Amino acid sequence: MGWNENITAGRDAFYKGAYEEAERLFSGALTKAQKLGKTDPRLAQSLNDLGMLYHSLGRLTEAEPLYRKAIAIDEKCGDEAWVDIAVTLENLAELYKTQQRNGEAAAMYRRAIAVIEQLYHAAEERLGKAHPDVVPYLKSQATLAEAQDKTEEAENLYRAALKIEEHSLDENSVEIAGTLSQLAYMLTIRGNYGEAEKLYKRALAIEEKMLNPDHPDVASTLIGLATLYHQQGRDTKAEMFGWRALSVLESAFTQNHRETSPALKNLAAQFAAQKRYSESEPLLKRMLTIGEQTLGKDHPHLVTELIDLAGLYCDQDNYERAEPILRRAIKIAVRNSTKTDLSVVKIMELYAWLLDKLGRASDATEFSARAAALRAKVA
């Protein structure tokens, strides 16, 4: 098997959730690429892909140096590697954001944006402002702005991308549907619910016409609509679209596949907001079980799911059930954190609050002090 076959098969395995197989294939690609020269772009791609795998598995301390090596190689490869540099810079920024190393994340985002803007202006000069080939660069800028909570900037960039696509592509293009959904999501965040609903419905109509009914993109749009309706208090519609999204993902994958988690989380949040705790709880437990089975019981991605479940019990004043769950979340977070990880501080502060609710004042004071000491280091 050559380098191309290793990378292609590794990506297929990664997207299917076969992480051990993906690691074997990406490692094989890296070994082959190392024989091609220290500045070969294939070496950078191999490092980035293996870094992405470790990143998704929560192995952040292993992912970070791989990203950094990939960037260093791409910077020596000239103009043909600029797209790859931008991708890896964004990946590294996301890693830092996960660790709440916000200053370092912002620096990586700025570098990625500078690269994307350079690529955009070059494409614009070569092809013209309204050429569809400039759209990916506009959308990349929008994604980076969105990641930094610059929602107005992201909205404007998505609008610019959509305008070009509408003038250059077929009206039923799935590319247009994707941009419609991305813009609708930003409008939902910004509270422009009326326009967001129209765009989501238009995207859904295109996807249902052009894609398989069980395609994950259909589910993503359904979840967007469910979220929109939930925020408006239109609970019946929100629930209907939430269940539809879950059904699509279960058909596209399996009932116990990690990809069903967004729909499960959406429905669980809906039910919790309506105080339908007995309906929210099994969905959160199912998410947690899926995560444990696919990622392992100590994976850092489980921290959010544990906090959600503990929070559900706290909402019901059932602090005794919440305590061991939140304690487990802290252990996982600490084991996988860095000394500058603000997320651990926030979990400790939450745990201190919970201990106080349980009447364990001395323990609460101890955790508050630990959290304060960590926060001081982060600052």
Protein backbone atom coordinates (compact mmCIF):
# COMPACT_ATOMS: atom_id res chain seq x y z
CA MET A 1 0.00 0.00 0.00
CA GLY A 2 1.41 3.37 -1.05
CA TRP A 3 1.19 6.73 0.72
CA ASN A 4 -1.97 7.82 -1.13
CA GLU A 5 -3.73 4.57 -0.31
CA ASN A 6 -2.74 4.85 3.36
CA ILE A 7 -4.04 8.41 3.66
CA THR A 8 -7.29 7.71 1.78
CA ALA A 9 -8.03 4.53 3.74
CA GLY A 10 -7.10 6.28 6.99
CA ARG A 11 -9.53 9.12 6.33
CA ASP A 12 -12.28 6.64 5.45
CA ALA A 13 -11.67 4.76 8.70
CA PHE A 14 -11.59 8.03 10.67
CA TYR A 15 -14.93 9.23 9.30
CA LYS A 16 -16.47 5.82 10.03
CA GLY A 17 -15.30 6.00 13.64
CA ALA A 18 -12.80 3.13 13.25
CA TYR A 19 -10.15 5.01 15.20
CA GLU A 20 -7.68 2.18 15.83
CA GLU A 21 -7.64 1.34 12.13
CA ALA A 22 -7.28 5.03 11.27
CA GLU A 23 -4.30 5.37 13.61
CA ARG A 24 -2.60 2.34 12.04
CA LEU A 25 -3.13 3.72 8.53
CA PHE A 26 -2.12 7.30 9.34
CA SER A 27 0.98 6.06 11.16
CA GLY A 28 1.83 3.98 8.09
CA ALA A 29 1.39 7.02 5.86
CA LEU A 30 3.67 9.03 8.15
CA THR A 31 6.37 6.36 8.02
CA LYS A 32 6.23 6.35 4.21
CA ALA A 33 6.21 10.17 4.01
CA GLN A 34 9.28 10.44 6.23
CA LYS A 35 11.24 8.68 3.48
CA LEU A 36 10.21 11.31 0.91
CA GLY A 37 12.21 14.17 2.40
CA LYS A 38 11.99 16.54 5.36
CA THR A 39 10.12 19.23 3.39
CA ASP A 40 7.79 17.04 1.33
CA PRO A 41 4.19 18.32 1.61
CA ARG A 42 2.99 14.74 2.03
CA LEU A 43 4.88 14.60 5.30
CA ALA A 44 2.98 17.67 6.50
CA GLN A 45 -0.34 16.14 5.44
CA SER A 46 0.49 12.93 7.29
CA LEU A 47 1.36 14.84 10.45
CA ASN A 48 -1.81 16.92 10.22
CA ASP A 49 -4.07 13.90 9.69
CA LEU A 50 -2.56 11.95 12.57
CA GLY A 51 -2.82 15.11 14.67
CA MET A 52 -6.52 15.43 13.78
CA LEU A 53 -7.09 11.84 14.88
CA TYR A 54 -5.37 12.37 18.23
CA HIS A 55 -7.19 15.69 18.61
CA SER A 56 -10.59 14.03 18.11
CA LEU A 57 -9.62 11.31 20.59
CA GLY A 58 -8.70 13.89 23.21
CA ARG A 59 -4.98 13.07 23.02
CA LEU A 60 -4.17 16.76 22.85
CA THR A 61 -0.59 16.62 24.07
CA GLU A 62 0.19 14.21 21.21
CA ALA A 63 -1.75 16.22 18.62
CA GLU A 64 -0.15 19.62 19.31
CA PRO A 65 3.45 18.81 18.27
CA LEU A 66 2.19 17.06 15.13
CA TYR A 67 0.28 20.17 14.08
CA ARG A 68 3.31 22.36 14.80
CA LYS A 69 5.62 20.14 12.74
CA ALA A 70 3.12 20.14 9.86
CA ILE A 71 2.95 23.95 9.85
CA ALA A 72 6.75 24.25 9.92
CA ILE A 73 7.08 21.93 6.91
CA ASP A 74 4.29 23.62 4.92
CA GLU A 75 5.88 27.02 5.48
CA LYS A 76 8.94 25.74 3.60
CA CYS A 77 6.91 24.31 0.70
CA GLY A 78 5.94 27.57 -0.98
CA ASP A 79 2.62 28.75 -2.40
CA GLU A 80 1.19 25.29 -3.09
CA ALA A 81 1.01 24.56 0.66
CA TRP A 82 -0.87 27.69 1.79
CA VAL A 83 -4.24 25.94 1.93
CA ASP A 84 -2.74 23.16 4.05
CA ILE A 85 -1.14 25.72 6.37
CA ALA A 86 -4.50 27.42 6.93
CA VAL A 87 -6.18 24.10 7.72
CA THR A 88 -3.52 23.08 10.24
CA LEU A 89 -3.45 26.54 11.84
CA GLU A 90 -7.20 26.30 12.35
CA ASN A 91 -6.85 22.81 13.80
CA LEU A 92 -4.22 24.05 16.25
CA ALA A 93 -6.39 27.04 17.16
CA GLU A 94 -9.29 24.69 17.90
CA LEU A 95 -7.02 22.56 20.08
CA TYR A 96 -5.99 25.63 22.08
CA LYS A 97 -9.61 26.75 22.32
CA THR A 98 -10.57 23.34 23.73
CA GLN A 99 -7.90 23.82 26.40
CA GLN A 100 -9.09 27.42 26.90
CA ARG A 101 -5.61 28.66 26.01
CA ASN A 102 -7.42 31.62 24.53
CA GLY A 103 -4.45 33.86 23.79
CA GLU A 104 -2.66 31.16 21.83
CA ALA A 105 -5.90 30.21 20.06
CA ALA A 106 -6.47 33.81 18.99
CA ALA A 107 -2.92 34.02 17.61
CA MET A 108 -3.44 30.88 15.51
CA TYR A 109 -6.79 32.16 14.23
CA ARG A 110 -5.17 35.44 13.20
CA ARG A 111 -2.47 33.58 11.29
CA ALA A 112 -5.06 31.34 9.61
CA ILE A 113 -7.20 34.34 8.65
CA ALA A 114 -4.18 36.12 7.15
CA VAL A 115 -3.43 33.07 5.00
CA ILE A 116 -7.05 32.65 3.90
CA GLU A 117 -7.36 36.35 3.06
CA GLN A 118 -4.20 36.13 0.98
CA LEU A 119 -5.59 33.11 -0.89
CA TYR A 120 -8.96 34.83 -1.33
CA HIS A 121 -7.47 38.00 -2.80
CA ALA A 122 -5.24 35.97 -5.12
CA ALA A 123 -8.23 33.95 -6.35
CA GLU A 124 -10.33 37.10 -6.67
CA GLU A 125 -7.64 38.79 -8.76
CA ARG A 126 -7.18 35.72 -10.94
CA LEU A 127 -10.83 34.70 -11.35
CA GLY A 128 -12.95 37.74 -10.50
CA LYS A 129 -15.00 38.61 -7.43
CA ALA A 130 -18.03 36.56 -8.46
CA HIS A 131 -16.29 33.33 -9.44
CA PRO A 132 -17.49 30.25 -7.49
CA ASP A 133 -13.90 29.19 -6.82
CA VAL A 134 -13.49 32.10 -4.40
CA VAL A 135 -16.40 30.83 -2.26
CA PRO A 136 -14.37 28.30 -0.22
CA TYR A 137 -12.07 31.10 0.93
CA LEU A 138 -15.01 33.29 1.94
CA LYS A 139 -16.55 30.40 3.86
CA SER A 140 -13.23 29.60 5.51
CA GLN A 141 -13.02 33.20 6.71
CA ALA A 142 -16.60 32.91 7.97
CA THR A 143 -15.81 29.71 9.86
CA LEU A 144 -12.80 31.33 11.51
CA ALA A 145 -14.84 34.40 12.46
CA GLU A 146 -17.57 32.14 13.86
CA ALA A 147 -15.02 30.23 15.96
CA GLN A 148 -14.02 33.54 17.56
CA ASP A 149 -17.67 34.53 18.20
CA LYS A 150 -17.49 37.31 15.59
CA THR A 151 -21.03 36.53 14.52
CA GLU A 152 -21.77 39.67 12.49
CA GLU A 153 -18.59 39.26 10.48
CA ALA A 154 -19.36 35.57 9.91
CA GLU A 155 -22.90 36.40 8.78
CA ASN A 156 -21.66 38.93 6.22
CA LEU A 157 -19.12 36.49 4.82
CA TYR A 158 -21.71 33.72 4.48
CA ARG A 159 -24.03 36.18 2.72
CA ALA A 160 -21.27 37.09 0.27
CA ALA A 161 -20.59 33.41 -0.41
CA LEU A 162 -24.29 32.68 -0.92
CA LYS A 163 -24.68 35.58 -3.35
CA ILE A 164 -21.89 34.22 -5.55
CA GLU A 165 -23.26 30.67 -5.43
CA GLU A 166 -26.78 31.79 -6.32
CA HIS A 167 -25.45 33.54 -9.44
CA SER A 168 -23.13 30.75 -10.56
CA LEU A 169 -24.66 27.43 -9.47
CA ASP A 170 -27.91 25.59 -10.06
CA GLU A 171 -30.61 26.66 -7.59
CA ASN A 172 -30.83 23.09 -6.28
CA SER A 173 -27.10 22.74 -5.68
CA VAL A 174 -26.18 21.01 -2.43
CA GLU A 175 -23.38 23.58 -2.09
CA ILE A 176 -26.05 26.29 -1.87
CA ALA A 177 -27.94 24.21 0.70
CA GLY A 178 -24.82 23.98 2.85
CA THR A 179 -24.27 27.74 2.76
CA LEU A 180 -27.95 28.38 3.51
CA SER A 181 -27.70 26.21 6.63
CA GLN A 182 -24.50 27.89 7.78
CA LEU A 183 -26.03 31.34 7.33
CA ALA A 184 -29.24 30.24 9.05
CA TYR A 185 -27.23 29.02 12.03
CA MET A 186 -25.54 32.41 12.36
CA LEU A 187 -28.89 34.18 12.08
CA THR A 188 -30.28 31.93 14.82
CA ILE A 189 -27.40 32.88 17.11
CA ARG A 190 -28.03 36.55 16.33
CA GLY A 191 -31.77 36.22 17.02
CA ASN A 192 -32.98 36.75 13.44
CA TYR A 193 -35.36 33.81 13.67
CA GLY A 194 -37.68 34.69 10.80
CA GLU A 195 -35.00 34.76 8.13
CA ALA A 196 -33.20 31.79 9.69
CA GLU A 197 -36.34 29.65 9.42
CA LYS A 198 -36.80 30.52 5.74
CA LEU A 199 -33.19 29.66 4.94
CA TYR A 200 -33.26 26.39 6.86
CA LYS A 201 -36.47 25.34 5.08
CA ARG A 202 -34.99 26.22 1.71
CA ALA A 203 -31.83 24.22 2.53
CA LEU A 204 -33.90 21.25 3.69
CA ALA A 205 -35.98 21.26 0.51
CA ILE A 206 -32.81 21.14 -1.61
CA GLU A 207 -31.21 18.39 0.50
CA GLU A 208 -34.32 16.22 0.51
CA LYS A 209 -34.51 16.56 -3.26
CA MET A 210 -30.84 16.05 -4.11
CA LEU A 211 -29.53 13.78 -1.34
CA ASN A 212 -30.45 10.44 0.17
CA PRO A 213 -33.18 10.95 2.84
CA ASP A 214 -30.77 9.44 5.39
CA HIS A 215 -27.87 11.73 4.52
CA PRO A 216 -26.20 13.35 7.58
CA ASP A 217 -26.53 16.82 5.98
CA VAL A 218 -30.31 16.41 6.18
CA ALA A 219 -30.02 15.63 9.88
CA SER A 220 -27.80 18.66 10.45
CA THR A 221 -30.42 20.96 8.92
CA LEU A 222 -33.19 19.29 10.92
CA ILE A 223 -31.20 19.87 14.12
CA GLY A 224 -30.79 23.51 13.11
CA LEU A 225 -34.54 23.87 12.72
CA ALA A 226 -35.16 22.07 16.01
CA THR A 227 -32.78 24.45 17.78
CA LEU A 228 -34.42 27.45 16.15
CA TYR A 229 -37.92 26.39 17.21
CA HIS A 230 -36.71 25.52 20.72
CA GLN A 231 -35.25 29.01 21.16
CA GLN A 232 -38.57 30.48 20.07
CA GLY A 233 -40.51 28.32 22.53
CA ARG A 234 -42.22 26.42 19.69
CA ASP A 235 -41.73 23.16 21.54
CA THR A 236 -43.98 20.88 19.49
CA LYS A 237 -42.19 21.72 16.25
CA ALA A 238 -38.79 21.59 17.93
CA GLU A 239 -39.43 18.10 19.23
CA MET A 240 -40.77 16.87 15.90
CA PHE A 241 -37.66 18.01 14.02
CA GLY A 242 -35.40 16.70 16.79
CA TRP A 243 -36.84 13.19 16.52
CA ARG A 244 -36.64 13.34 12.72
CA ALA A 245 -32.95 14.24 12.94
CA LEU A 246 -32.27 11.35 15.30
CA SER A 247 -34.08 8.94 13.00
CA VAL A 248 -32.00 10.09 10.02
CA LEU A 249 -28.72 9.65 11.89
CA GLU A 250 -29.71 6.24 13.20
CA SER A 251 -30.45 5.16 9.64
CA ALA A 252 -27.27 6.71 8.24
CA PHE A 253 -25.08 5.14 10.92
CA THR A 254 -26.41 2.93 13.75
CA GLN A 255 -28.33 3.58 16.95
CA ASN A 256 -25.14 3.44 19.02
CA HIS A 257 -22.89 5.45 16.70
CA ARG A 258 -21.15 8.56 17.97
CA GLU A 259 -22.67 10.58 15.11
CA THR A 260 -26.12 10.31 16.74
CA SER A 261 -24.93 12.42 19.70
CA PRO A 262 -25.87 15.87 18.30
CA ALA A 263 -29.50 14.81 17.88
CA LEU A 264 -29.59 13.14 21.30
CA LYS A 265 -28.12 16.25 22.90
CA ASN A 266 -30.62 18.48 21.12
CA LEU A 267 -33.62 16.48 22.32
CA ALA A 268 -32.22 16.14 25.85
CA ALA A 269 -31.78 19.92 26.08
CA GLN A 270 -35.34 20.48 24.84
CA PHE A 271 -36.81 18.15 27.45
CA ALA A 272 -34.67 19.54 30.28
CA ALA A 273 -35.76 23.10 29.46
CA GLN A 274 -39.38 21.95 29.70
CA LYS A 275 -38.64 20.15 33.02
CA ARG A 276 -39.37 16.83 31.34
CA TYR A 277 -36.48 15.34 33.24
CA SER A 278 -37.56 11.71 32.97
CA GLU A 279 -37.39 12.02 29.17
CA SER A 280 -34.11 13.94 29.11
CA GLU A 281 -32.25 11.55 31.44
CA PRO A 282 -32.26 8.41 29.23
CA LEU A 283 -31.05 10.44 26.25
CA LEU A 284 -28.12 11.85 28.23
CA LYS A 285 -27.30 8.40 29.58
CA ARG A 286 -27.41 6.98 26.07
CA MET A 287 -24.99 9.67 24.88
CA LEU A 288 -22.65 8.83 27.73
CA THR A 289 -22.82 5.10 27.04
CA ILE A 290 -22.10 5.64 23.35
CA GLY A 291 -19.11 7.80 24.24
CA GLU A 292 -17.76 5.22 26.67
CA GLN A 293 -18.13 2.43 24.14
CA THR A 294 -16.61 4.28 21.19
CA LEU A 295 -13.99 6.47 22.89
CA GLY A 296 -13.23 4.82 26.23
CA LYS A 297 -14.37 5.57 29.77
CA ASP A 298 -11.66 8.16 30.44
CA HIS A 299 -11.93 10.13 27.21
CA PRO A 300 -12.01 13.93 27.71
CA HIS A 301 -14.99 14.29 25.38
CA LEU A 302 -17.04 12.55 28.09
CA VAL A 303 -16.54 15.48 30.44
CA THR A 304 -19.25 17.57 28.77
CA GLU A 305 -21.68 14.66 28.79
CA LEU A 306 -20.99 13.97 32.47
CA ILE A 307 -21.52 17.64 33.31
CA ASP A 308 -24.81 17.67 31.36
CA LEU A 309 -26.06 14.63 33.29
CA ALA A 310 -24.92 16.04 36.63
CA GLY A 311 -26.58 19.33 35.73
CA LEU A 312 -29.86 17.54 35.05
CA TYR A 313 -29.79 16.07 38.55
CA CYS A 314 -28.87 19.46 40.06
CA ASP A 315 -31.86 21.02 38.29
CA GLN A 316 -33.99 18.55 40.25
CA ASP A 317 -32.10 19.30 43.51
CA ASN A 318 -30.82 15.72 43.44
CA TYR A 319 -27.31 16.66 44.48
CA GLU A 320 -26.44 13.20 45.82
CA ARG A 321 -26.77 11.67 42.34
CA ALA A 322 -24.93 14.56 40.73
CA GLU A 323 -21.87 14.42 43.02
CA PRO A 324 -20.16 11.18 41.86
CA ILE A 325 -20.82 12.07 38.23
CA LEU A 326 -19.24 15.50 38.56
CA ARG A 327 -16.36 14.03 40.58
CA ARG A 328 -15.68 11.65 37.70
CA ALA A 329 -15.76 14.58 35.25
CA ILE A 330 -13.09 16.37 37.31
CA LYS A 331 -10.82 13.31 37.37
CA ILE A 332 -11.03 12.92 33.59
CA ALA A 333 -10.55 16.64 32.98
CA VAL A 334 -7.52 16.90 35.29
CA ARG A 335 -5.92 13.80 33.77
CA ASN A 336 -6.20 15.23 30.27
CA SER A 337 -5.58 18.91 30.98
CA THR A 338 -2.66 21.28 30.87
CA LYS A 339 -1.60 23.63 33.64
CA THR A 340 -3.24 26.50 31.75
CA ASP A 341 -6.58 24.81 31.12
CA LEU A 342 -9.33 27.12 32.34
CA SER A 343 -12.03 24.48 31.77
CA VAL A 344 -10.71 22.46 34.74
CA VAL A 345 -11.02 25.55 36.93
CA LYS A 346 -14.66 25.99 35.97
CA ILE A 347 -15.49 22.34 36.70
CA MET A 348 -13.80 22.59 40.11
CA GLU A 349 -15.79 25.73 40.90
CA LEU A 350 -18.98 23.92 39.94
CA TYR A 351 -18.01 20.95 42.11
CA ALA A 352 -17.29 23.26 45.06
CA TRP A 353 -20.78 24.74 44.66
CA LEU A 354 -22.27 21.23 44.60
CA LEU A 355 -20.37 20.20 47.75
CA ASP A 356 -21.69 23.29 49.51
CA LYS A 357 -25.24 22.29 48.51
CA LEU A 358 -24.58 18.88 50.08
CA GLY A 359 -23.52 20.52 53.34
CA ARG A 360 -19.87 19.51 52.94
CA ALA A 361 -18.53 22.97 53.74
CA SER A 362 -14.90 22.00 54.39
CA ASP A 363 -14.66 20.01 51.14
CA ALA A 364 -16.30 22.89 49.27
CA THR A 365 -13.74 25.32 50.71
CA GLU A 366 -10.89 23.01 49.70
CA PHE A 367 -12.06 22.78 46.08
CA SER A 368 -12.75 26.51 45.92
CA ALA A 369 -9.18 27.14 47.04
CA ARG A 370 -7.79 24.68 44.45
CA ALA A 371 -9.85 26.34 41.74
CA ALA A 372 -8.69 29.81 42.81
CA ALA A 373 -5.04 28.71 42.77
CA LEU A 374 -5.42 27.28 39.26
CA ARG A 375 -7.26 30.37 38.06
CA ALA A 376 -4.41 32.54 39.33
CA LYS A 377 -1.93 30.46 37.30
CA VAL A 378 -4.07 30.81 34.18
CA ALA A 379 -4.33 34.57 34.64
